[in-house]
Amino acid sequence: MNCFLADAAATRQRGLQLAQELPAGALLLLSGSLGAGKTCLVQGIAAGLGIIETVTSPSYALAQHYWRLGENSPALIHLDLYRLEQAKAADELFFQEEEEALACGALLAVEWPERLSALPKEAWQLQLSLEGDGRRLQLQAPGRWC
């Protein structure tokens, strides 16, 4: 998939649609420069999953867990690896959160996956890049990233 998103509202709307298109328990790797709209897209995904909490960038917390109202396990785990300069630290956090996401069937959204020592082959890979006043979104299914 390759599409242009005119603004933040279009980015959130595309995230809302992605929540319905991605398989349950998917791993989504989000790449793009600062300000490209990664967290904005995750906000839409959260809304599409029925999460009513405010979704913020986990840049300082590193990981955020979000639940649907009345559920006992998270529906979305959101990681931001930007501050982890050492691949070993990024890998450790990723594997810990991936294990929890797999155990509860949560969608795992990872910003700055390039901090990992290797990209997981089972991941959906999403690239956001600024283009004019909007952004370009490219999404590849697992095993198809070029």
Protein backbone atom coordinates (compact mmCIF):
# COMPACT_ATOMS: atom_id res chain seq x y z
CA MET A 1 0.00 0.00 0.00
CA ASN A 2 1.22 3.45 -0.87
CA CYS A 3 -0.93 6.52 -0.15
CA PHE A 4 -0.73 10.24 0.51
CA LEU A 5 -2.16 11.63 3.75
CA ALA A 6 -2.96 15.33 3.56
CA ASP A 7 -2.89 16.13 7.29
CA ALA A 8 -3.01 14.79 10.84
CA ALA A 9 -6.73 14.04 10.59
CA ALA A 10 -6.15 11.91 7.47
CA THR A 11 -3.28 10.14 9.26
CA ARG A 12 -5.46 9.30 12.27
CA GLN A 13 -8.25 8.15 9.93
CA ARG A 14 -5.84 5.83 8.10
CA GLY A 15 -4.76 4.44 11.48
CA LEU A 16 -8.41 3.79 12.34
CA GLN A 17 -8.75 1.81 9.09
CA LEU A 18 -5.49 -0.07 9.69
CA ALA A 19 -6.80 -1.29 13.04
CA GLN A 20 -9.52 -3.13 11.10
CA GLU A 21 -7.18 -4.41 8.36
CA LEU A 22 -4.27 -5.77 10.43
CA PRO A 23 -4.63 -9.28 11.83
CA ALA A 24 -5.17 -9.70 15.56
CA GLY A 25 -1.92 -9.60 17.47
CA ALA A 26 0.01 -8.03 14.57
CA LEU A 27 3.49 -6.57 14.95
CA LEU A 28 3.71 -3.15 13.26
CA LEU A 29 7.06 -1.41 12.82
CA LEU A 30 6.72 2.34 12.22
CA SER A 31 9.65 4.16 10.60
CA GLY A 32 9.94 7.82 9.72
CA SER A 33 11.64 11.01 10.77
CA LEU A 34 10.67 13.04 13.81
CA GLY A 35 7.31 14.65 13.18
CA ALA A 36 6.36 12.33 10.32
CA GLY A 37 3.16 11.23 12.08
CA LYS A 38 3.97 7.88 13.67
CA THR A 39 2.24 8.61 16.98
CA CYS A 40 -0.66 10.27 15.17
CA LEU A 41 -1.17 7.07 13.19
CA VAL A 42 -1.05 4.99 16.40
CA GLN A 43 -3.72 7.28 17.88
CA GLY A 44 -5.98 6.28 14.98
CA ILE A 45 -5.12 2.61 15.44
CA ALA A 46 -6.04 2.85 19.12
CA ALA A 47 -9.39 4.44 18.26
CA GLY A 48 -10.00 1.68 15.72
CA LEU A 49 -9.32 -0.93 18.42
CA GLY A 50 -11.91 0.66 20.69
CA ILE A 51 -9.43 2.26 23.08
CA ILE A 52 -10.77 5.44 24.65
CA GLU A 53 -7.63 6.49 26.55
CA THR A 54 -5.58 9.39 25.20
CA VAL A 55 -2.63 7.95 23.29
CA THR A 56 0.61 9.88 23.66
CA SER A 57 4.13 9.32 22.42
CA PRO A 58 5.96 6.87 24.69
CA SER A 59 9.30 8.60 23.99
CA TYR A 60 10.11 9.01 27.67
CA ALA A 61 8.15 6.08 29.13
CA LEU A 62 9.43 3.86 26.28
CA ALA A 63 6.30 1.66 26.42
CA GLN A 64 2.61 2.34 26.89
CA HIS A 65 -0.11 -0.27 27.32
CA TYR A 66 -3.69 0.53 26.32
CA TRP A 67 -6.82 -1.45 27.24
CA ARG A 68 -10.33 -1.53 25.83
CA LEU A 69 -12.89 -0.56 28.43
CA GLY A 70 -13.66 -3.52 30.71
CA GLU A 71 -10.88 -5.81 29.43
CA ASN A 72 -8.13 -7.31 31.58
CA SER A 73 -5.31 -7.30 29.06
CA PRO A 74 -3.97 -4.63 26.73
CA ALA A 75 -5.29 -4.39 23.17
CA LEU A 76 -2.36 -2.22 22.11
CA ILE A 77 1.25 -1.99 23.26
CA HIS A 78 3.07 1.06 21.91
CA LEU A 79 6.88 1.22 22.03
CA ASP A 80 9.18 4.07 21.13
CA LEU A 81 12.82 2.99 20.85
CA TYR A 82 14.17 6.43 19.86
CA ARG A 83 16.00 7.06 23.14
CA LEU A 84 17.64 3.62 23.20
CA GLU A 85 20.90 4.08 21.35
CA GLN A 86 22.25 0.62 22.17
CA ALA A 87 20.72 -2.19 20.12
CA LYS A 88 21.03 -4.52 23.11
CA ALA A 89 18.77 -2.28 25.23
CA ALA A 90 16.27 -1.88 22.37
CA ASP A 91 16.24 -5.64 21.77
CA GLU A 92 15.69 -6.38 25.46
CA LEU A 93 12.71 -4.02 25.75
CA PHE A 94 11.27 -5.21 22.44
CA PHE A 95 11.44 -8.91 23.35
CA GLN A 96 9.91 -8.28 26.78
CA GLU A 97 6.98 -6.34 25.29
CA GLU A 98 6.61 -8.71 22.33
CA GLU A 99 6.24 -11.63 24.75
CA GLU A 100 3.44 -9.82 26.58
CA ALA A 101 1.74 -8.77 23.33
CA LEU A 102 1.81 -12.36 22.07
CA ALA A 103 0.46 -13.69 25.36
CA CYS A 104 -2.57 -11.39 25.31
CA GLY A 105 -3.10 -10.99 21.55
CA ALA A 106 -2.32 -7.27 21.59
CA LEU A 107 -1.22 -5.31 18.55
CA LEU A 108 2.40 -4.24 19.10
CA ALA A 109 3.29 -0.91 17.46
CA VAL A 110 7.01 -0.07 17.51
CA GLU A 111 8.36 3.36 16.62
CA TRP A 112 12.04 3.62 15.62
CA PRO A 113 12.52 -0.12 14.92
CA GLU A 114 15.86 0.66 13.28
CA ARG A 115 17.27 0.74 16.83
CA LEU A 116 16.83 -3.07 16.97
CA SER A 117 19.75 -5.28 16.02
CA ALA A 118 17.51 -7.00 13.41
CA LEU A 119 13.99 -6.44 12.12
CA PRO A 120 11.56 -9.29 12.83
CA LYS A 121 10.47 -11.03 9.62
CA GLU A 122 6.87 -11.47 10.85
CA ALA A 123 6.36 -7.70 11.12
CA TRP A 124 4.22 -5.36 9.06
CA GLN A 125 6.50 -2.48 8.11
CA LEU A 126 5.16 1.03 7.75
CA GLN A 127 7.17 3.99 6.50
CA LEU A 128 5.94 7.56 6.92
CA SER A 129 7.75 10.37 5.14
CA LEU A 130 6.97 14.05 4.94
CA GLU A 131 5.78 15.13 1.50
CA GLY A 132 4.80 18.74 0.94
CA ASP A 133 2.21 19.70 3.55
CA GLY A 134 1.28 16.05 4.17
CA ARG A 135 2.96 12.71 4.40
CA ARG A 136 3.43 9.56 2.35
CA LEU A 137 2.53 6.22 3.91
CA GLN A 138 3.97 2.96 2.61
CA LEU A 139 2.89 -0.32 4.20
CA GLN A 140 4.32 -3.74 3.46
CA ALA A 141 3.04 -7.08 4.72
CA PRO A 142 5.45 -9.42 6.53
CA GLY A 143 8.21 -10.79 4.33
CA ARG A 144 7.61 -8.30 1.50
CA TRP A 145 9.73 -5.29 2.50
CA CYS A 146 12.23 -4.33 -0.17
